[in-house]
C-alpha atoms as a PDB file:
ATOM      1  CA  MET A   1      39.885 -27.950 -51.313  1.00  0.00           C
ATOM      2  CA  ASN A   2      39.584 -27.450 -47.601  1.00  0.00           C
ATOM      3  CA  ARG A   3      42.129 -24.974 -46.312  1.00  0.00           C
ATOM      4  CA  LYS A   4      42.675 -24.274 -42.648  1.00  0.00           C
ATOM      5  CA  GLU A   5      43.444 -20.617 -42.094  1.00  0.00           C
ATOM      6  CA  LEU A   6      45.927 -19.937 -39.316  1.00  0.00           C
ATOM      7  CA  ASP A   7      46.585 -16.789 -37.359  1.00  0.00           C
ATOM      8  CA  PRO A   8      50.414 -16.568 -37.288  1.00  0.00           C
ATOM      9  CA  GLU A   9      50.164 -14.474 -34.125  1.00  0.00           C
ATOM     10  CA  SER A  10      48.184 -17.109 -32.229  1.00  0.00           C
ATOM     11  CA  SER A  11      51.189 -19.283 -31.343  1.00  0.00           C
ATOM     12  CA  PRO A  12      54.796 -19.990 -32.345  1.00  0.00           C
ATOM     13  CA  GLU A  13      53.616 -23.240 -33.972  1.00  0.00           C
ATOM     14  CA  ALA A  14      51.063 -21.350 -36.065  1.00  0.00           C
ATOM     15  CA  ALA A  15      53.714 -18.831 -37.130  1.00  0.00           C
ATOM     16  CA  PHE A  16      56.036 -21.668 -38.163  1.00  0.00           C
ATOM     17  CA  GLY A  17      53.319 -23.438 -40.163  1.00  0.00           C
ATOM     18  CA  ALA A  18      52.111 -20.249 -41.826  1.00  0.00           C
ATOM     19  CA  ARG A  19      55.642 -19.397 -42.895  1.00  0.00           C
ATOM     20  CA  ILE A  20      56.191 -22.858 -44.398  1.00  0.00           C
ATOM     21  CA  ARG A  21      52.935 -22.519 -46.331  1.00  0.00           C
ATOM     22  CA  SER A  22      53.735 -18.994 -47.502  1.00  0.00           C
ATOM     23  CA  LEU A  23      57.180 -19.938 -48.853  1.00  0.00           C
ATOM     24  CA  ARG A  24      55.810 -23.105 -50.454  1.00  0.00           C
ATOM     25  CA  GLU A  25      53.021 -21.260 -52.233  1.00  0.00           C
ATOM     26  CA  ALA A  26      55.408 -18.507 -53.335  1.00  0.00           C
ATOM     27  CA  ARG A  27      57.262 -21.203 -55.263  1.00  0.00           C
ATOM     28  CA  GLY A  28      54.074 -22.647 -56.688  1.00  0.00           C
ATOM     29  CA  TRP A  29      54.628 -25.989 -54.970  1.00  0.00           C
ATOM     30  CA  LYS A  30      51.961 -28.340 -53.678  1.00  0.00           C
ATOM     31  CA  GLN A  31      52.436 -29.961 -50.315  1.00  0.00           C
ATOM     32  CA  GLU A  32      53.494 -33.213 -51.949  1.00  0.00           C
ATOM     33  CA  GLU A  33      56.169 -31.420 -53.968  1.00  0.00           C
ATOM     34  CA  LEU A  34      57.597 -29.739 -50.894  1.00  0.00           C
ATOM     35  CA  ALA A  35      57.425 -33.031 -49.028  1.00  0.00           C
ATOM     36  CA  GLY A  36      59.502 -34.671 -51.760  1.00  0.00           C
ATOM     37  CA  GLU A  37      62.134 -31.950 -51.526  1.00  0.00           C
ATOM     38  CA  MET A  38      62.292 -32.242 -47.731  1.00  0.00           C
ATOM     39  CA  GLY A  39      62.123 -36.026 -47.443  1.00  0.00           C
ATOM     40  CA  TYR A  40      58.753 -36.128 -45.708  1.00  0.00           C
ATOM     41  CA  SER A  41      55.225 -37.165 -46.632  1.00  0.00           C
ATOM     42  CA  GLY A  42      52.628 -34.698 -47.826  1.00  0.00           C
ATOM     43  CA  THR A  43      50.547 -35.585 -44.783  1.00  0.00           C
ATOM     44  CA  HIS A  44      53.417 -34.619 -42.493  1.00  0.00           C
ATOM     45  CA  VAL A  45      53.931 -31.269 -44.225  1.00  0.00           C
ATOM     46  CA  SER A  46      50.191 -30.578 -44.046  1.00  0.00           C
ATOM     47  CA  ALA A  47      50.147 -31.340 -40.323  1.00  0.00           C
ATOM     48  CA  VAL A  48      53.013 -28.923 -39.646  1.00  0.00           C
ATOM     49  CA  GLU A  49      51.493 -26.205 -41.828  1.00  0.00           C
ATOM     50  CA  THR A  50      48.189 -26.387 -39.951  1.00  0.00           C
ATOM     51  CA  GLY A  51      49.739 -26.631 -36.507  1.00  0.00           C
ATOM     52  CA  ARG A  52      48.536 -30.200 -35.879  1.00  0.00           C
ATOM     53  CA  LYS A  53      52.095 -31.512 -35.608  1.00  0.00           C
ATOM     54  CA  MET A  54      55.059 -29.927 -33.878  1.00  0.00           C
ATOM     55  CA  PRO A  55      58.054 -29.339 -36.152  1.00  0.00           C
ATOM     56  CA  THR A  56      61.257 -31.150 -35.236  1.00  0.00           C
ATOM     57  CA  LEU A  57      64.882 -30.062 -35.455  1.00  0.00           C
ATOM     58  CA  ARG A  58      65.349 -32.305 -38.507  1.00  0.00           C
ATOM     59  CA  PHE A  59      62.252 -30.866 -40.208  1.00  0.00           C
ATOM     60  CA  SER A  60      63.426 -27.312 -39.475  1.00  0.00           C
ATOM     61  CA  ARG A  61      66.891 -27.894 -40.881  1.00  0.00           C
ATOM     62  CA  SER A  62      65.400 -29.536 -43.958  1.00  0.00           C
ATOM     63  CA  ALA A  63      63.164 -26.497 -44.487  1.00  0.00           C
ATOM     64  CA  ASP A  64      66.194 -24.200 -44.194  1.00  0.00           C
ATOM     65  CA  ARG A  65      67.980 -26.285 -46.829  1.00  0.00           C
ATOM     66  CA  VAL A  66      65.045 -26.310 -49.260  1.00  0.00           C
ATOM     67  CA  PHE A  67      64.109 -22.625 -48.862  1.00  0.00           C
ATOM     68  CA  GLY A  68      67.676 -21.335 -48.578  1.00  0.00           C
ATOM     69  CA  THR A  69      67.144 -19.742 -45.165  1.00  0.00           C
ATOM     70  CA  GLY A  70      69.958 -21.561 -43.380  1.00  0.00           C
ATOM     71  CA  ASP A  71      72.416 -18.672 -43.613  1.00  0.00           C
ATOM     72  CA  THR A  72      69.998 -15.969 -42.531  1.00  0.00           C
ATOM     73  CA  ALA A  73      69.205 -14.506 -39.110  1.00  0.00           C
ATOM     74  CA  ASP A  74      65.659 -15.861 -39.396  1.00  0.00           C
ATOM     75  CA  THR A  75      66.122 -19.594 -39.867  1.00  0.00           C
ATOM     76  CA  PHE A  76      63.493 -22.247 -39.339  1.00  0.00           C
ATOM     77  CA  GLU A  77      65.865 -23.863 -36.860  1.00  0.00           C
ATOM     78  CA  ARG A  78      65.747 -20.649 -34.841  1.00  0.00           C
ATOM     79  CA  GLN A  79      61.946 -20.700 -34.925  1.00  0.00           C
ATOM     80  CA  TRP A  80      61.974 -24.325 -33.807  1.00  0.00           C
ATOM     81  CA  ARG A  81      64.160 -23.442 -30.840  1.00  0.00           C
ATOM     82  CA  GLU A  82      61.726 -20.666 -29.921  1.00  0.00           C
ATOM     83  CA  ILE A  83      58.896 -23.228 -29.957  1.00  0.00           C
ATOM     84  CA  ARG A  84      60.962 -25.650 -27.901  1.00  0.00           C
ATOM     85  CA  HIS A  85      61.405 -22.924 -25.315  1.00  0.00           C
ATOM     86  CA  GLY A  86      57.650 -22.579 -24.988  1.00  0.00           C
ATOM     87  CA  SER A  87      58.085 -23.095 -21.239  1.00  0.00           C
ATOM     88  CA  LEU A  88      59.462 -19.573 -21.127  1.00  0.00           C
ATOM     89  CA  LEU A  89      57.202 -16.807 -19.955  1.00  0.00           C
ATOM     90  CA  GLU A  90      54.122 -16.113 -22.040  1.00  0.00           C
ATOM     91  CA  GLY A  91      54.872 -13.811 -24.949  1.00  0.00           C
ATOM     92  CA  PHE A  92      58.657 -14.197 -24.754  1.00  0.00           C
ATOM     93  CA  PRO A  93      59.169 -16.625 -27.682  1.00  0.00           C
ATOM     94  CA  GLN A  94      57.112 -14.293 -29.886  1.00  0.00           C
ATOM     95  CA  TYR A  95      59.128 -11.331 -28.643  1.00  0.00           C
ATOM     96  CA  VAL A  96      62.417 -13.059 -29.491  1.00  0.00           C
ATOM     97  CA  GLY A  97      61.168 -13.710 -33.010  1.00  0.00           C
ATOM     98  CA  HIS A  98      60.699  -9.964 -33.504  1.00  0.00           C
ATOM     99  CA  GLU A  99      63.941  -9.133 -31.673  1.00  0.00           C
ATOM    100  CA  GLY A 100      66.068 -10.865 -34.289  1.00  0.00           C
ATOM    101  CA  ARG A 101      64.571  -8.657 -37.025  1.00  0.00           C
ATOM    102  CA  ALA A 102      64.255  -5.339 -35.185  1.00  0.00           C
ATOM    103  CA  VAL A 103      66.001  -2.243 -36.506  1.00  0.00           C
ATOM    104  CA  GLU A 104      66.138  -0.633 -33.071  1.00  0.00           C
ATOM    105  CA  ILE A 105      66.149  -2.222 -29.615  1.00  0.00           C
ATOM    106  CA  ARG A 106      65.565  -0.325 -26.380  1.00  0.00           C
ATOM    107  CA  LEU A 107      66.200  -2.142 -23.102  1.00  0.00           C
ATOM    108  CA  TYR A 108      65.780  -1.247 -19.462  1.00  0.00           C
ATOM    109  CA  GLU A 109      66.891  -3.693 -16.782  1.00  0.00           C
ATOM    110  CA  ILE A 110      66.944  -3.825 -12.994  1.00  0.00           C
ATOM    111  CA  GLY A 111      69.213  -5.998 -10.853  1.00  0.00           C
ATOM    112  CA  ILE A 112      71.010  -8.021 -13.542  1.00  0.00           C
ATOM    113  CA  ILE A 113      72.845  -7.217 -16.774  1.00  0.00           C
ATOM    114  CA  PRO A 114      70.447  -7.393 -19.758  1.00  0.00           C
ATOM    115  CA  GLY A 115      70.600 -10.793 -21.433  1.00  0.00           C
ATOM    116  CA  LEU A 116      71.798  -9.494 -24.788  1.00  0.00           C
ATOM    117  CA  LEU A 117      74.854  -7.983 -23.052  1.00  0.00           C
ATOM    118  CA  GLN A 118      75.696 -10.931 -20.777  1.00  0.00           C
ATOM    119  CA  THR A 119      78.908 -12.892 -21.109  1.00  0.00           C
ATOM    120  CA  PRO A 120      78.476 -16.695 -21.352  1.00  0.00           C
ATOM    121  CA  GLU A 121      79.997 -17.084 -17.882  1.00  0.00           C
ATOM    122  CA  TYR A 122      77.617 -14.559 -16.307  1.00  0.00           C
ATOM    123  CA  ALA A 123      74.640 -16.200 -18.021  1.00  0.00           C
ATOM    124  CA  ARG A 124      75.790 -19.630 -16.880  1.00  0.00           C
ATOM    125  CA  VAL A 125      76.012 -18.517 -13.246  1.00  0.00           C
ATOM    126  CA  LEU A 126      72.430 -17.246 -13.353  1.00  0.00           C
ATOM    127  CA  ALA A 127      71.202 -20.463 -14.977  1.00  0.00           C
ATOM    128  CA  ASP A 128      73.056 -22.666 -12.483  1.00  0.00           C
ATOM    129  CA  SER A 129      71.604 -20.640  -9.628  1.00  0.00           C
ATOM    130  CA  ALA A 130      68.099 -21.357 -10.950  1.00  0.00           C
ATOM    131  CA  VAL A 131      68.980 -25.079 -10.981  1.00  0.00           C
ATOM    132  CA  ARG A 132      70.086 -24.957  -7.337  1.00  0.00           C
ATOM    133  CA  ARG A 133      66.789 -23.306  -6.419  1.00  0.00           C
ATOM    134  CA  GLY A 134      64.915 -26.089  -8.191  1.00  0.00           C
ATOM    135  CA  ALA A 135      63.354 -23.644 -10.653  1.00  0.00           C
ATOM    136  CA  ILE A 136      64.728 -25.407 -13.754  1.00  0.00           C
ATOM    137  CA  SER A 137      66.532 -28.635 -14.612  1.00  0.00           C
ATOM    138  CA  PRO A 138      70.226 -28.834 -15.551  1.00  0.00           C
ATOM    139  CA  GLU A 139      69.164 -29.562 -19.129  1.00  0.00           C
ATOM    140  CA  GLN A 140      66.962 -26.478 -19.189  1.00  0.00           C
ATOM    141  CA  ALA A 141      69.847 -24.413 -17.817  1.00  0.00           C
ATOM    142  CA  THR A 142      72.062 -25.514 -20.693  1.00  0.00           C
ATOM    143  CA  GLU A 143      69.313 -24.754 -23.203  1.00  0.00           C
ATOM    144  CA  ARG A 144      68.741 -21.349 -21.613  1.00  0.00           C
ATOM    145  CA  VAL A 145      72.398 -20.362 -22.034  1.00  0.00           C
ATOM    146  CA  SER A 146      72.461 -21.734 -25.587  1.00  0.00           C
ATOM    147  CA  PHE A 147      69.250 -19.886 -26.463  1.00  0.00           C
ATOM    148  CA  LEU A 148      70.724 -16.623 -25.181  1.00  0.00           C
ATOM    149  CA  ALA A 149      73.823 -17.149 -27.333  1.00  0.00           C
ATOM    150  CA  GLU A 150      71.574 -17.625 -30.370  1.00  0.00           C
ATOM    151  CA  ARG A 151      69.740 -14.384 -29.590  1.00  0.00           C
ATOM    152  CA  GLN A 152      73.030 -12.522 -29.330  1.00  0.00           C
ATOM    153  CA  ALA A 153      74.311 -14.076 -32.583  1.00  0.00           C
ATOM    154  CA  ALA A 154      71.173 -12.981 -34.446  1.00  0.00           C
ATOM    155  CA  LEU A 155      72.118  -9.347 -33.780  1.00  0.00           C
ATOM    156  CA  VAL A 156      75.508  -9.717 -35.487  1.00  0.00           C
ATOM    157  CA  ARG A 157      74.551  -8.988 -39.077  1.00  0.00           C
ATOM    158  CA  SER A 158      75.587  -6.700 -41.911  1.00  0.00           C
ATOM    159  CA  ARG A 159      73.160  -4.030 -40.730  1.00  0.00           C
ATOM    160  CA  PRO A 160      72.908  -4.529 -36.969  1.00  0.00           C
ATOM    161  CA  PRO A 161      70.103  -2.889 -34.995  1.00  0.00           C
ATOM    162  CA  MET A 162      70.612   0.302 -33.042  1.00  0.00           C
ATOM    163  CA  MET A 163      70.713  -0.721 -29.377  1.00  0.00           C
ATOM    164  CA  LEU A 164      69.825   1.699 -26.594  1.00  0.00           C
ATOM    165  CA  VAL A 165      70.379   0.225 -23.145  1.00  0.00           C
ATOM    166  CA  VAL A 166      69.582   1.799 -19.789  1.00  0.00           C
ATOM    167  CA  MET A 167      70.559  -0.180 -16.704  1.00  0.00           C
ATOM    168  CA  ASP A 168      69.565   0.562 -13.152  1.00  0.00           C
ATOM    169  CA  GLU A 169      72.697   1.093 -11.069  1.00  0.00           C
ATOM    170  CA  SER A 170      71.877  -2.159  -9.262  1.00  0.00           C
ATOM    171  CA  CYS A 171      72.844  -4.065 -12.431  1.00  0.00           C
ATOM    172  CA  ILE A 172      76.511  -3.135 -12.078  1.00  0.00           C
ATOM    173  CA  ARG A 173      76.634  -3.109  -8.269  1.00  0.00           C
ATOM    174  CA  ARG A 174      75.118  -6.553  -7.733  1.00  0.00           C
ATOM    175  CA  ARG A 175      77.899  -9.161  -7.718  1.00  0.00           C
ATOM    176  CA  VAL A 176      77.137 -12.245  -9.808  1.00  0.00           C
ATOM    177  CA  GLY A 177      79.493 -15.230 -10.061  1.00  0.00           C
ATOM    178  CA  GLY A 178      82.477 -13.911  -8.139  1.00  0.00           C
ATOM    179  CA  ASP A 179      85.183 -11.379  -8.941  1.00  0.00           C
ATOM    180  CA  GLU A 180      86.479 -12.866 -12.201  1.00  0.00           C
ATOM    181  CA  VAL A 181      83.046 -13.307 -13.757  1.00  0.00           C
ATOM    182  CA  MET A 182      81.892  -9.872 -12.677  1.00  0.00           C
ATOM    183  CA  ASP A 183      85.033  -8.098 -13.872  1.00  0.00           C
ATOM    184  CA  ALA A 184      84.757  -9.727 -17.307  1.00  0.00           C
ATOM    185  CA  GLN A 185      81.080  -8.785 -17.462  1.00  0.00           C
ATOM    186  CA  LEU A 186      81.737  -5.135 -16.668  1.00  0.00           C
ATOM    187  CA  GLU A 187      84.532  -5.102 -19.238  1.00  0.00           C
ATOM    188  CA  ARG A 188      82.031  -6.470 -21.762  1.00  0.00           C
ATOM    189  CA  LEU A 189      79.756  -3.495 -21.023  1.00  0.00           C
ATOM    190  CA  THR A 190      82.510  -0.979 -21.759  1.00  0.00           C
ATOM    191  CA  GLU A 191      83.353  -2.773 -24.997  1.00  0.00           C
ATOM    192  CA  PHE A 192      79.687  -2.787 -25.962  1.00  0.00           C
ATOM    193  CA  ALA A 193      79.497   0.972 -25.364  1.00  0.00           C
ATOM    194  CA  GLU A 194      82.270   1.515 -27.916  1.00  0.00           C
ATOM    195  CA  GLN A 195      80.251   0.083 -30.790  1.00  0.00           C
ATOM    196  CA  PRO A 196      78.867   2.583 -33.346  1.00  0.00           C
ATOM    197  CA  ASN A 197      75.326   1.201 -33.044  1.00  0.00           C
ATOM    198  CA  THR A 198      75.044   1.228 -29.241  1.00  0.00           C
ATOM    199  CA  VAL A 199      74.275   3.602 -26.409  1.00  0.00           C
ATOM    200  CA  VAL A 200      74.756   2.468 -22.797  1.00  0.00           C
ATOM    201  CA  GLN A 201      73.441   4.490 -19.863  1.00  0.00           C
ATOM    202  CA  VAL A 202      73.245   3.877 -16.129  1.00  0.00           C
ATOM    203  CA  ALA A 203      70.219   5.118 -14.198  1.00  0.00           C
ATOM    204  CA  PRO A 204      71.773   6.031 -10.809  1.00  0.00           C
ATOM    205  CA  TYR A 205      70.159   5.248  -7.482  1.00  0.00           C
ATOM    206  CA  ASP A 206      69.560   8.941  -6.832  1.00  0.00           C
ATOM    207  CA  ILE A 207      67.137   9.111  -9.747  1.00  0.00           C
ATOM    208  CA  GLY A 208      64.659   8.223  -7.007  1.00  0.00           C
ATOM    209  CA  GLU A 209      60.993   8.756  -7.788  1.00  0.00           C
ATOM    210  CA  ARG A 210      61.849  10.088 -11.256  1.00  0.00           C
ATOM    211  CA  ARG A 211      62.431   6.535 -12.486  1.00  0.00           C
ATOM    212  CA  PRO A 212      59.418   5.876 -14.771  1.00  0.00           C
ATOM    213  CA  PHE A 213      59.614   2.046 -14.760  1.00  0.00           C
ATOM    214  CA  ASN A 214      59.435  -0.312 -11.796  1.00  0.00           C
ATOM    215  CA  LEU A 215      59.973  -3.397 -13.961  1.00  0.00           C
ATOM    216  CA  PRO A 216      62.336  -4.217 -16.843  1.00  0.00           C
ATOM    217  CA  MET A 217      61.090  -2.990 -20.214  1.00  0.00           C
ATOM    218  CA  ASN A 218      61.920  -3.982 -23.791  1.00  0.00           C
ATOM    219  CA  LEU A 219      60.875  -1.894 -26.797  1.00  0.00           C
ATOM    220  CA  LEU A 220      61.478  -2.964 -30.398  1.00  0.00           C
ATOM    221  CA  THR A 221      61.206  -0.806 -33.507  1.00  0.00           C
ATOM    222  CA  LEU A 222      60.538  -2.970 -36.567  1.00  0.00           C
ATOM    223  CA  SER A 223      61.405  -2.275 -40.196  1.00  0.00           C
ATOM    224  CA  ASP A 224      57.961  -0.736 -40.809  1.00  0.00           C
ATOM    225  CA  LEU A 225      58.669   1.631 -37.870  1.00  0.00           C
ATOM    226  CA  SER A 226      55.990   0.052 -35.697  1.00  0.00           C
ATOM    227  CA  VAL A 227      56.970  -0.438 -32.044  1.00  0.00           C
ATOM    228  CA  ILE A 228      56.409  -3.513 -29.884  1.00  0.00           C
ATOM    229  CA  ALA A 229      56.713  -3.549 -26.100  1.00  0.00           C
ATOM    230  CA  TYR A 230      57.513  -6.501 -23.868  1.00  0.00           C
ATOM    231  CA  ALA A 231      57.540  -6.564 -20.073  1.00  0.00           C
ATOM    232  CA  GLU A 232      57.639  -9.308 -17.444  1.00  0.00           C
ATOM    233  CA  SER A 233      56.320  -9.813 -13.972  1.00  0.00           C
ATOM    234  CA  GLN A 234      57.623 -12.627 -11.788  1.00  0.00           C
ATOM    235  CA  ILE A 235      55.224 -15.181 -13.299  1.00  0.00           C
ATOM    236  CA  ARG A 236      54.320 -14.013 -16.803  1.00  0.00           C
ATOM    237  CA  GLY A 237      55.356 -11.855 -19.710  1.00  0.00           C
ATOM    238  CA  HIS A 238      53.246  -9.585 -21.874  1.00  0.00           C
ATOM    239  CA  LEU A 239      53.778  -8.596 -25.496  1.00  0.00           C
ATOM    240  CA  GLU A 240      51.997  -5.379 -26.491  1.00  0.00           C
ATOM    241  CA  ARG A 241      51.455  -4.200 -30.060  1.00  0.00           C
ATOM    242  CA  GLU A 242      48.628  -1.685 -29.689  1.00  0.00           C
ATOM    243  CA  THR A 243      49.917   1.795 -30.501  1.00  0.00           C
ATOM    244  CA  THR A 244      47.789   3.451 -27.835  1.00  0.00           C
ATOM    245  CA  SER A 245      49.488   1.304 -25.180  1.00  0.00           C
ATOM    246  CA  VAL A 246      53.015   1.300 -26.594  1.00  0.00           C
ATOM    247  CA  LEU A 247      53.485   5.027 -27.247  1.00  0.00           C
ATOM    248  CA  PRO A 248      53.212   6.022 -23.549  1.00  0.00           C
ATOM    249  CA  LEU A 249      55.889   3.418 -22.783  1.00  0.00           C
ATOM    250  CA  LEU A 250      58.109   4.886 -25.488  1.00  0.00           C
ATOM    251  CA  THR A 251      57.603   8.347 -23.979  1.00  0.00           C
ATOM    252  CA  ALA A 252      58.503   6.995 -20.542  1.00  0.00           C
ATOM    253  CA  TYR A 253      61.661   5.443 -21.972  1.00  0.00           C
ATOM    254  CA  HIS A 254      62.722   8.801 -23.416  1.00  0.00           C
ATOM    255  CA  GLN A 255      62.138  10.349 -19.990  1.00  0.00           C
ATOM    256  CA  LEU A 256      64.267   7.613 -18.430  1.00  0.00           C
ATOM    257  CA  GLN A 257      67.114   8.346 -20.849  1.00  0.00           C
ATOM    258  CA  ALA A 258      66.946  12.033 -19.953  1.00  0.00           C
ATOM    259  CA  GLU A 259      67.291  11.226 -16.235  1.00  0.00           C
ATOM    260  CA  ALA A 260      70.052   8.625 -16.694  1.00  0.00           C
ATOM    261  CA  LEU A 261      73.768   9.386 -16.833  1.00  0.00           C
ATOM    262  CA  SER A 262      75.307  10.113 -20.228  1.00  0.00           C
ATOM    263  CA  GLN A 263      77.176   7.283 -21.910  1.00  0.00           C
ATOM    264  CA  ALA A 264      80.559   8.792 -20.978  1.00  0.00           C
ATOM    265  CA  GLU A 265      79.466   9.183 -17.344  1.00  0.00           C
ATOM    266  CA  SER A 266      78.013   5.684 -17.366  1.00  0.00           C
ATOM    267  CA  VAL A 267      81.231   4.118 -18.644  1.00  0.00           C
ATOM    268  CA  SER A 268      83.110   5.961 -15.892  1.00  0.00           C
ATOM    269  CA  VAL A 269      80.753   4.530 -13.263  1.00  0.00           C
ATOM    270  CA  ILE A 270      81.199   1.035 -14.725  1.00  0.00           C
ATOM    271  CA  ASN A 271      84.994   1.387 -14.648  1.00  0.00           C
ATOM    272  CA  GLU A 272      84.833   2.611 -11.043  1.00  0.00           C
ATOM    273  CA  ALA A 273      82.821  -0.503 -10.178  1.00  0.00           C
ATOM    274  CA  ARG A 274      85.557  -2.612 -11.757  1.00  0.00           C
ATOM    275  CA  LYS A 275      88.234  -0.927  -9.626  1.00  0.00           C
ATOM    276  CA  VAL A 276      86.663  -2.098  -6.362  1.00  0.00           C
ATOM    277  CA  ILE A 277      86.746  -5.714  -7.537  1.00  0.00           C
ATOM    278  CA  PRO A 278      89.800  -7.386  -5.923  1.00  0.00           C
END
């Protein structure tokens, strides 16, 4: 029997197909048997498993029903949405797939509140602004806000990840969406800081040349304690798994935390920023 081997890391479609095949084989099913359970043909299942056919929302939901993954943080529907957002920067859909399963998340952001901490209203303002600039369509803006909500929801689980967030002071000083939106967003930050699995720090302007990163940085610790790094430029993203490249970034993040304000000081700065909002 000819069997096409796929590298799950080569693309989101390959990861989806490899996962379908792995779960099917774990149950001892042939493709035709799985197809019967899902309401598809064996040819269709084979095409999805080998990456020759894109999965659909209906196919994804059917897979969740058959494999019992619909109530988990790692549903096939979620994977499908990651594939659908393939227009996002290179490496980002793969990063999001790991993000939903990480045991520890470290974030550093410049200029805007990190996505995982954004209120829906703040996120919507940013998306609508991109529409006005002609960067995305109104439909893509709606999908972008919905996708962010799904990412945030994936972190609400029985054993949530530890989240360490450092924001450049510009994140809380830069007004987005007017007074009401900004006040609610800053309030969300203070509420986030009160959670037992979170640490929020502000890197003040006077950190100066001691700031180790000039671009936003995301670092994920997975259940096997390996660390993945993700960073973006204006036109592309890069996902890094090599230990020799990731460890220096982890060291730099620790240095950033040492230079940033403590959480108590950071919350005070955030509250002061709220006071100047009319």
